[in-house]
Amino acid sequence: MSNQMMGVDVGGSGIKGGIVDLVTGELVGERHKLKTPKPSKPKAVTQIIAEVIAMAEWDGPIGCTLPGPVQGGLMQTAANVDDGWIGRGAEYLSQRLKRPVTLMNDADAAGVAEMAWGIGRDHPARSGVVILLTFGTGIGSAVFTNGELVSNTELGHLQMWDDSAEVRASSNAKDSEKLSWEEWAERVSAYLQYVEALFWPQLFIFGGGVSRKHEKFLHLLETRTPIVPAALRNNAGIAGVALAASRGEQP
């Protein structure tokens, strides 16, 4: 197995990728990012993925994430990308990118990275239930029990406030509604309390782009469960899916 692999993380607003050192989980060289096309139809998104790969000058297989559950290499739903992705996935991308592609849920990939190289690697809670939550366009989740991933949990779609939780508590909701950190933290606390009542985790890992600003809101969150910011921040999805691709793991 080579000690490098490329990962591409497709989100609702941006597509980012880079070459990952599989020993350290760190990026080798630059991270490349382009905007997710609107609408995010498969052909348009695949073209941007190809551009990101070209920017990295990578010639080989890749790991790629999409924001939705992935089973048998196929997208099952598409909450934050175009519905045209449903029923498509790894084979579709492989044919058009002309290289092997491992496809994975974006939050699951971020969680894999945090458990391999980040907060979850040596944390005492690793022997219990650890939940990583990514706050961005939506809310993604990765649940681990005794260090093993429970795939495709999609906890951002729990029903709260007469809607999916992510509609009211995502980072996107904070920005679009112009919420203060205090107002947003109140919603996030309610959401986290709901999740912990269902799963009784030993640790929450707070990820997504907003985790870069954790000092502004983490102390405002009220939960029984300890909360720590993700160590790999917004590169976690890239690193985790690259690791999965290097292992030949296809959900």
C-alpha atoms as a PDB file:
ATOM      1  CA  MET A   1       0.000   0.000   0.000  1.00  0.00           C
ATOM      2  CA  SER A   2       1.328   3.444  -0.947  1.00  0.00           C
ATOM      3  CA  ASN A   3       1.631   5.910   1.902  1.00  0.00           C
ATOM      4  CA  GLN A   4      -0.290   8.532  -0.074  1.00  0.00           C
ATOM      5  CA  MET A   5      -3.827   8.741  -1.468  1.00  0.00           C
ATOM      6  CA  MET A   6      -6.036  11.535  -2.759  1.00  0.00           C
ATOM      7  CA  GLY A   7      -9.327  12.404  -1.112  1.00  0.00           C
ATOM      8  CA  VAL A   8     -12.080  14.667  -2.460  1.00  0.00           C
ATOM      9  CA  ASP A   9     -14.790  15.996  -0.145  1.00  0.00           C
ATOM     10  CA  VAL A  10     -17.996  17.108  -1.881  1.00  0.00           C
ATOM     11  CA  GLY A  11     -20.159  19.460   0.178  1.00  0.00           C
ATOM     12  CA  GLY A  12     -23.233  21.500  -0.462  1.00  0.00           C
ATOM     13  CA  SER A  13     -21.208  24.677  -1.016  1.00  0.00           C
ATOM     14  CA  GLY A  14     -17.678  23.558  -1.879  1.00  0.00           C
ATOM     15  CA  ILE A  15     -15.656  20.683  -3.333  1.00  0.00           C
ATOM     16  CA  LYS A  16     -12.215  20.341  -1.797  1.00  0.00           C
ATOM     17  CA  GLY A  17      -9.462  17.808  -2.188  1.00  0.00           C
ATOM     18  CA  GLY A  18      -5.839  17.018  -1.544  1.00  0.00           C
ATOM     19  CA  ILE A  19      -3.213  14.325  -1.327  1.00  0.00           C
ATOM     20  CA  VAL A  20      -3.076  12.720   2.113  1.00  0.00           C
ATOM     21  CA  ASP A  21      -0.120  11.259   3.983  1.00  0.00           C
ATOM     22  CA  LEU A  22      -1.625   8.006   5.250  1.00  0.00           C
ATOM     23  CA  VAL A  23       0.817   7.809   8.155  1.00  0.00           C
ATOM     24  CA  THR A  24       0.031  11.202   9.671  1.00  0.00           C
ATOM     25  CA  GLY A  25      -3.349  12.080   8.124  1.00  0.00           C
ATOM     26  CA  GLU A  26      -1.943  15.434   7.039  1.00  0.00           C
ATOM     27  CA  LEU A  27      -2.206  16.889   3.553  1.00  0.00           C
ATOM     28  CA  VAL A  28       0.807  16.662   1.282  1.00  0.00           C
ATOM     29  CA  GLY A  29       0.969  20.045  -0.408  1.00  0.00           C
ATOM     30  CA  GLU A  30      -2.006  22.328  -0.925  1.00  0.00           C
ATOM     31  CA  ARG A  31      -5.700  21.784  -0.385  1.00  0.00           C
ATOM     32  CA  HIS A  32      -7.626  22.666  -3.527  1.00  0.00           C
ATOM     33  CA  LYS A  33     -11.191  23.972  -3.370  1.00  0.00           C
ATOM     34  CA  LEU A  34     -13.795  25.003  -5.926  1.00  0.00           C
ATOM     35  CA  LYS A  35     -17.444  25.938  -5.505  1.00  0.00           C
ATOM     36  CA  THR A  36     -20.091  23.241  -5.798  1.00  0.00           C
ATOM     37  CA  PRO A  37     -22.058  23.944  -8.989  1.00  0.00           C
ATOM     38  CA  LYS A  38     -25.690  25.023  -8.752  1.00  0.00           C
ATOM     39  CA  PRO A  39     -27.600  22.868  -9.471  1.00  0.00           C
ATOM     40  CA  SER A  40     -25.313  20.119  -8.191  1.00  0.00           C
ATOM     41  CA  LYS A  41     -26.173  17.584 -10.884  1.00  0.00           C
ATOM     42  CA  PRO A  42     -23.871  14.551 -11.266  1.00  0.00           C
ATOM     43  CA  LYS A  43     -22.278  15.659 -14.540  1.00  0.00           C
ATOM     44  CA  ALA A  44     -21.505  19.160 -13.263  1.00  0.00           C
ATOM     45  CA  VAL A  45     -20.147  17.947  -9.908  1.00  0.00           C
ATOM     46  CA  THR A  46     -18.009  15.299 -11.605  1.00  0.00           C
ATOM     47  CA  GLN A  47     -16.445  17.974 -13.798  1.00  0.00           C
ATOM     48  CA  ILE A  48     -15.448  19.994 -10.733  1.00  0.00           C
ATOM     49  CA  ILE A  49     -14.044  16.864  -9.061  1.00  0.00           C
ATOM     50  CA  ALA A  50     -11.944  16.279 -12.191  1.00  0.00           C
ATOM     51  CA  GLU A  51     -10.659  19.858 -11.987  1.00  0.00           C
ATOM     52  CA  VAL A  52      -9.685  19.439  -8.332  1.00  0.00           C
ATOM     53  CA  ILE A  53      -7.813  16.226  -9.179  1.00  0.00           C
ATOM     54  CA  ALA A  54      -5.996  18.019 -12.013  1.00  0.00           C
ATOM     55  CA  MET A  55      -5.043  20.884  -9.688  1.00  0.00           C
ATOM     56  CA  ALA A  56      -3.432  18.342  -7.343  1.00  0.00           C
ATOM     57  CA  GLU A  57      -1.646  16.675 -10.286  1.00  0.00           C
ATOM     58  CA  TRP A  58      -2.751  13.290  -8.988  1.00  0.00           C
ATOM     59  CA  ASP A  59      -2.722  10.237 -11.242  1.00  0.00           C
ATOM     60  CA  GLY A  60      -4.298   7.320  -9.443  1.00  0.00           C
ATOM     61  CA  PRO A  61      -7.384   6.109  -7.553  1.00  0.00           C
ATOM     62  CA  ILE A  62      -9.224   8.476  -5.256  1.00  0.00           C
ATOM     63  CA  GLY A  63     -11.623   8.471  -2.345  1.00  0.00           C
ATOM     64  CA  CYS A  64     -14.624  10.757  -2.677  1.00  0.00           C
ATOM     65  CA  THR A  65     -17.360  11.807  -0.269  1.00  0.00           C
ATOM     66  CA  LEU A  66     -20.921  12.902  -0.936  1.00  0.00           C
ATOM     67  CA  PRO A  67     -23.412  14.375   1.568  1.00  0.00           C
ATOM     68  CA  GLY A  68     -25.778  11.451   1.966  1.00  0.00           C
ATOM     69  CA  PRO A  69     -25.941   7.760   2.889  1.00  0.00           C
ATOM     70  CA  VAL A  70     -23.873   5.432   0.701  1.00  0.00           C
ATOM     71  CA  GLN A  71     -24.646   1.721   0.413  1.00  0.00           C
ATOM     72  CA  GLY A  72     -23.006  -0.584  -2.120  1.00  0.00           C
ATOM     73  CA  GLY A  73     -21.241   2.425  -3.569  1.00  0.00           C
ATOM     74  CA  LEU A  74     -24.565   4.130  -4.394  1.00  0.00           C
ATOM     75  CA  MET A  75     -26.149   7.278  -2.986  1.00  0.00           C
ATOM     76  CA  GLN A  76     -29.439   6.475  -1.292  1.00  0.00           C
ATOM     77  CA  THR A  77     -30.736  10.013  -0.657  1.00  0.00           C
ATOM     78  CA  ALA A  78     -29.532  13.485  -1.595  1.00  0.00           C
ATOM     79  CA  ALA A  79     -30.520  16.141   0.928  1.00  0.00           C
ATOM     80  CA  ASN A  80     -27.820  18.685   0.049  1.00  0.00           C
ATOM     81  CA  VAL A  81     -27.015  17.744  -3.560  1.00  0.00           C
ATOM     82  CA  ASP A  82     -29.184  17.226  -6.624  1.00  0.00           C
ATOM     83  CA  ASP A  83     -31.611  14.284  -6.616  1.00  0.00           C
ATOM     84  CA  GLY A  84     -29.881  13.008  -9.747  1.00  0.00           C
ATOM     85  CA  TRP A  85     -27.266  11.447  -7.471  1.00  0.00           C
ATOM     86  CA  ILE A  86     -29.750   8.955  -6.022  1.00  0.00           C
ATOM     87  CA  GLY A  87     -28.875   5.521  -7.386  1.00  0.00           C
ATOM     88  CA  ARG A  88     -25.551   6.766  -8.735  1.00  0.00           C
ATOM     89  CA  GLY A  89     -22.183   6.701  -7.071  1.00  0.00           C
ATOM     90  CA  ALA A  90     -18.768   5.050  -7.229  1.00  0.00           C
ATOM     91  CA  GLU A  91     -19.178   3.332 -10.605  1.00  0.00           C
ATOM     92  CA  TYR A  92     -20.572   6.484 -12.207  1.00  0.00           C
ATOM     93  CA  LEU A  93     -17.611   8.520 -10.953  1.00  0.00           C
ATOM     94  CA  SER A  94     -15.070   5.824 -11.869  1.00  0.00           C
ATOM     95  CA  GLN A  95     -16.261   5.676 -15.461  1.00  0.00           C
ATOM     96  CA  ARG A  96     -16.181   9.435 -15.946  1.00  0.00           C
ATOM     97  CA  LEU A  97     -12.974  10.128 -14.036  1.00  0.00           C
ATOM     98  CA  LYS A  98     -11.284   7.086 -15.590  1.00  0.00           C
ATOM     99  CA  ARG A  99      -9.888   5.820 -12.303  1.00  0.00           C
ATOM    100  CA  PRO A 100     -11.056   3.690  -9.345  1.00  0.00           C
ATOM    101  CA  VAL A 101     -13.228   5.670  -6.919  1.00  0.00           C
ATOM    102  CA  THR A 102     -14.196   4.758  -3.358  1.00  0.00           C
ATOM    103  CA  LEU A 103     -17.356   6.625  -2.298  1.00  0.00           C
ATOM    104  CA  MET A 104     -18.298   7.398   1.296  1.00  0.00           C
ATOM    105  CA  ASN A 105     -20.689   9.534   3.313  1.00  0.00           C
ATOM    106  CA  ASP A 106     -18.940  12.814   4.100  1.00  0.00           C
ATOM    107  CA  ALA A 107     -19.455  12.796   7.865  1.00  0.00           C
ATOM    108  CA  ASP A 108     -18.507   9.117   8.128  1.00  0.00           C
ATOM    109  CA  ALA A 109     -15.243   9.971   6.356  1.00  0.00           C
ATOM    110  CA  ALA A 110     -14.565  12.831   8.758  1.00  0.00           C
ATOM    111  CA  GLY A 111     -15.204  10.530  11.689  1.00  0.00           C
ATOM    112  CA  VAL A 112     -12.861   7.858  10.347  1.00  0.00           C
ATOM    113  CA  ALA A 113     -10.105  10.458  10.136  1.00  0.00           C
ATOM    114  CA  GLU A 114     -10.690  11.746  13.666  1.00  0.00           C
ATOM    115  CA  MET A 115     -10.614   8.208  15.037  1.00  0.00           C
ATOM    116  CA  ALA A 116      -7.461   7.313  13.074  1.00  0.00           C
ATOM    117  CA  TRP A 117      -5.376  10.439  13.612  1.00  0.00           C
ATOM    118  CA  GLY A 118      -7.339  12.991  15.615  1.00  0.00           C
ATOM    119  CA  ILE A 119      -9.225  13.366  18.877  1.00  0.00           C
ATOM    120  CA  GLY A 120     -10.566   9.806  18.939  1.00  0.00           C
ATOM    121  CA  ARG A 121      -7.249   8.047  18.436  1.00  0.00           C
ATOM    122  CA  ASP A 122      -6.165   7.857  22.074  1.00  0.00           C
ATOM    123  CA  HIS A 123      -9.196   9.287  23.881  1.00  0.00           C
ATOM    124  CA  PRO A 124     -10.549   7.139  26.753  1.00  0.00           C
ATOM    125  CA  ALA A 125     -14.057   7.415  25.247  1.00  0.00           C
ATOM    126  CA  ARG A 126     -12.888   5.350  22.261  1.00  0.00           C
ATOM    127  CA  SER A 127     -13.938   2.225  24.166  1.00  0.00           C
ATOM    128  CA  GLY A 128     -17.533   3.494  24.304  1.00  0.00           C
ATOM    129  CA  VAL A 129     -19.786   5.550  22.026  1.00  0.00           C
ATOM    130  CA  VAL A 130     -18.245   8.535  20.244  1.00  0.00           C
ATOM    131  CA  ILE A 131     -20.288  10.775  17.951  1.00  0.00           C
ATOM    132  CA  LEU A 132     -18.763  13.224  15.501  1.00  0.00           C
ATOM    133  CA  LEU A 133     -21.125  15.894  14.182  1.00  0.00           C
ATOM    134  CA  THR A 134     -20.244  18.186  11.284  1.00  0.00           C
ATOM    135  CA  PHE A 135     -22.010  21.534  11.076  1.00  0.00           C
ATOM    136  CA  GLY A 136     -22.079  23.116   7.624  1.00  0.00           C
ATOM    137  CA  THR A 137     -24.714  23.296   4.895  1.00  0.00           C
ATOM    138  CA  GLY A 138     -26.456  20.571   6.911  1.00  0.00           C
ATOM    139  CA  ILE A 139     -25.526  18.461   9.930  1.00  0.00           C
ATOM    140  CA  GLY A 140     -23.618  15.259   9.287  1.00  0.00           C
ATOM    141  CA  SER A 141     -22.990  12.509  11.817  1.00  0.00           C
ATOM    142  CA  ALA A 142     -20.591   9.641  12.365  1.00  0.00           C
ATOM    143  CA  VAL A 143     -21.254   7.236  15.240  1.00  0.00           C
ATOM    144  CA  PHE A 144     -18.570   4.928  16.610  1.00  0.00           C
ATOM    145  CA  THR A 145     -18.904   2.168  19.168  1.00  0.00           C
ATOM    146  CA  ASN A 146     -15.680   0.655  20.502  1.00  0.00           C
ATOM    147  CA  GLY A 147     -13.884   2.408  17.651  1.00  0.00           C
ATOM    148  CA  GLU A 148     -16.033   0.834  14.919  1.00  0.00           C
ATOM    149  CA  LEU A 149     -18.117   2.984  12.579  1.00  0.00           C
ATOM    150  CA  VAL A 150     -21.890   2.605  12.428  1.00  0.00           C
ATOM    151  CA  SER A 151     -22.393   3.816   8.850  1.00  0.00           C
ATOM    152  CA  ASN A 152     -24.942   6.288   7.479  1.00  0.00           C
ATOM    153  CA  THR A 153     -26.548   7.442  10.707  1.00  0.00           C
ATOM    154  CA  GLU A 154     -27.791  10.781   9.241  1.00  0.00           C
ATOM    155  CA  LEU A 155     -28.602  12.306  12.634  1.00  0.00           C
ATOM    156  CA  GLY A 156     -28.990  15.723  11.054  1.00  0.00           C
ATOM    157  CA  HIS A 157     -32.403  14.561   9.869  1.00  0.00           C
ATOM    158  CA  LEU A 158     -33.817  13.988  13.351  1.00  0.00           C
ATOM    159  CA  GLN A 159     -37.139  15.807  13.574  1.00  0.00           C
ATOM    160  CA  MET A 160     -37.046  18.926  15.742  1.00  0.00           C
ATOM    161  CA  TRP A 161     -38.863  22.251  15.596  1.00  0.00           C
ATOM    162  CA  ASP A 162     -41.317  20.646  13.130  1.00  0.00           C
ATOM    163  CA  ASP A 163     -38.491  20.087  10.639  1.00  0.00           C
ATOM    164  CA  SER A 164     -35.157  18.333  10.192  1.00  0.00           C
ATOM    165  CA  ALA A 165     -32.766  19.467  12.912  1.00  0.00           C
ATOM    166  CA  GLU A 166     -30.243  20.654  10.350  1.00  0.00           C
ATOM    167  CA  VAL A 167     -32.708  23.185   8.931  1.00  0.00           C
ATOM    168  CA  ARG A 168     -32.606  25.092  12.231  1.00  0.00           C
ATOM    169  CA  ALA A 169     -29.259  24.165  13.827  1.00  0.00           C
ATOM    170  CA  SER A 170     -26.721  23.888  10.995  1.00  0.00           C
ATOM    171  CA  SER A 171     -23.998  26.446  10.401  1.00  0.00           C
ATOM    172  CA  ASN A 172     -25.919  27.466   7.295  1.00  0.00           C
ATOM    173  CA  ALA A 173     -28.977  28.229   9.455  1.00  0.00           C
ATOM    174  CA  LYS A 174     -26.870  30.486  11.667  1.00  0.00           C
ATOM    175  CA  ASP A 175     -25.635  32.447   8.658  1.00  0.00           C
ATOM    176  CA  SER A 176     -28.910  32.624   6.750  1.00  0.00           C
ATOM    177  CA  GLU A 177     -30.926  33.699   9.800  1.00  0.00           C
ATOM    178  CA  LYS A 178     -28.138  35.980  11.050  1.00  0.00           C
ATOM    179  CA  LEU A 179     -28.173  34.346  14.480  1.00  0.00           C
ATOM    180  CA  SER A 180     -25.792  35.437  17.210  1.00  0.00           C
ATOM    181  CA  TRP A 181     -23.426  32.817  18.633  1.00  0.00           C
ATOM    182  CA  GLU A 182     -25.620  32.690  21.733  1.00  0.00           C
ATOM    183  CA  GLU A 183     -28.836  32.181  19.732  1.00  0.00           C
ATOM    184  CA  TRP A 184     -27.249  29.494  17.605  1.00  0.00           C
ATOM    185  CA  ALA A 185     -25.688  27.742  20.606  1.00  0.00           C
ATOM    186  CA  GLU A 186     -29.126  27.492  22.230  1.00  0.00           C
ATOM    187  CA  ARG A 187     -30.423  25.571  19.201  1.00  0.00           C
ATOM    188  CA  VAL A 188     -27.311  23.406  18.954  1.00  0.00           C
ATOM    189  CA  SER A 189     -27.573  22.570  22.677  1.00  0.00           C
ATOM    190  CA  ALA A 190     -31.167  21.426  22.249  1.00  0.00           C
ATOM    191  CA  TYR A 191     -30.117  19.266  19.315  1.00  0.00           C
ATOM    192  CA  LEU A 192     -27.150  17.734  21.146  1.00  0.00           C
ATOM    193  CA  GLN A 193     -29.327  16.979  24.173  1.00  0.00           C
ATOM    194  CA  TYR A 194     -31.735  15.116  21.898  1.00  0.00           C
ATOM    195  CA  VAL A 195     -28.901  13.082  20.362  1.00  0.00           C
ATOM    196  CA  GLU A 196     -27.381  12.220  23.740  1.00  0.00           C
ATOM    197  CA  ALA A 197     -30.774  11.124  25.075  1.00  0.00           C
ATOM    198  CA  LEU A 198     -30.938   8.591  22.238  1.00  0.00           C
ATOM    199  CA  PHE A 199     -27.340   7.319  22.229  1.00  0.00           C
ATOM    200  CA  TRP A 200     -25.749   8.219  25.594  1.00  0.00           C
ATOM    201  CA  PRO A 201     -22.342   8.893  24.048  1.00  0.00           C
ATOM    202  CA  GLN A 202     -19.148   9.297  26.047  1.00  0.00           C
ATOM    203  CA  LEU A 203     -17.880  12.054  23.729  1.00  0.00           C
ATOM    204  CA  PHE A 204     -19.081  14.515  21.087  1.00  0.00           C
ATOM    205  CA  ILE A 205     -16.558  15.656  18.476  1.00  0.00           C
ATOM    206  CA  PHE A 206     -17.633  18.962  16.921  1.00  0.00           C
ATOM    207  CA  GLY A 207     -16.561  19.232  13.281  1.00  0.00           C
ATOM    208  CA  GLY A 208     -17.251  21.112  10.076  1.00  0.00           C
ATOM    209  CA  GLY A 209     -15.914  24.459   8.948  1.00  0.00           C
ATOM    210  CA  VAL A 210     -17.413  26.281  11.938  1.00  0.00           C
ATOM    211  CA  SER A 211     -15.198  24.239  14.279  1.00  0.00           C
ATOM    212  CA  ARG A 212     -12.379  26.650  13.362  1.00  0.00           C
ATOM    213  CA  LYS A 213     -14.242  29.213  15.498  1.00  0.00           C
ATOM    214  CA  HIS A 214     -14.967  26.862  18.405  1.00  0.00           C
ATOM    215  CA  GLU A 215     -13.735  29.375  20.987  1.00  0.00           C
ATOM    216  CA  LYS A 216     -16.761  31.549  20.142  1.00  0.00           C
ATOM    217  CA  PHE A 217     -19.435  28.993  20.996  1.00  0.00           C
ATOM    218  CA  LEU A 218     -18.199  25.734  22.529  1.00  0.00           C
ATOM    219  CA  HIS A 219     -18.376  27.149  26.063  1.00  0.00           C
ATOM    220  CA  LEU A 220     -22.008  28.131  25.421  1.00  0.00           C
ATOM    221  CA  LEU A 221     -23.175  24.580  24.706  1.00  0.00           C
ATOM    222  CA  GLU A 222     -25.041  22.779  27.473  1.00  0.00           C
ATOM    223  CA  THR A 223     -24.827  18.980  27.481  1.00  0.00           C
ATOM    224  CA  ARG A 224     -24.099  16.109  29.813  1.00  0.00           C
ATOM    225  CA  THR A 225     -21.589  14.762  27.310  1.00  0.00           C
ATOM    226  CA  PRO A 226     -18.091  16.301  26.961  1.00  0.00           C
ATOM    227  CA  ILE A 227     -17.617  18.182  23.666  1.00  0.00           C
ATOM    228  CA  VAL A 228     -14.278  18.700  21.931  1.00  0.00           C
ATOM    229  CA  PRO A 229     -13.479  20.404  18.606  1.00  0.00           C
ATOM    230  CA  ALA A 230     -12.309  18.170  15.772  1.00  0.00           C
ATOM    231  CA  ALA A 231      -8.522  18.091  15.454  1.00  0.00           C
ATOM    232  CA  LEU A 232      -8.421  17.783  11.677  1.00  0.00           C
ATOM    233  CA  ARG A 233     -11.079  20.486  11.259  1.00  0.00           C
ATOM    234  CA  ASN A 234     -12.315  20.852   7.687  1.00  0.00           C
ATOM    235  CA  ASN A 235      -9.721  18.497   6.199  1.00  0.00           C
ATOM    236  CA  ALA A 236     -11.113  15.474   8.038  1.00  0.00           C
ATOM    237  CA  GLY A 237     -13.398  14.335   5.209  1.00  0.00           C
ATOM    238  CA  ILE A 238     -10.540  14.444   2.719  1.00  0.00           C
ATOM    239  CA  ALA A 239      -8.269  12.436   5.016  1.00  0.00           C
ATOM    240  CA  GLY A 240     -10.867   9.861   6.051  1.00  0.00           C
ATOM    241  CA  VAL A 241     -12.036   8.992   2.562  1.00  0.00           C
ATOM    242  CA  ALA A 242      -8.441   8.791   1.368  1.00  0.00           C
ATOM    243  CA  LEU A 243      -7.779   6.237   4.131  1.00  0.00           C
ATOM    244  CA  ALA A 244     -10.863   4.237   3.113  1.00  0.00           C
ATOM    245  CA  ALA A 245      -9.732   4.274  -0.530  1.00  0.00           C
ATOM    246  CA  SER A 246      -6.242   3.075   0.427  1.00  0.00           C
ATOM    247  CA  ARG A 247      -7.839   0.110   2.240  1.00  0.00           C
ATOM    248  CA  GLY A 248     -10.169  -0.677  -0.642  1.00  0.00           C
ATOM    249  CA  GLU A 249     -13.182  -0.159   1.634  1.00  0.00           C
ATOM    250  CA  GLN A 250     -16.432   0.572  -0.230  1.00  0.00           C
ATOM    251  CA  PRO A 251     -19.520   1.065   1.960  1.00  0.00           C
END
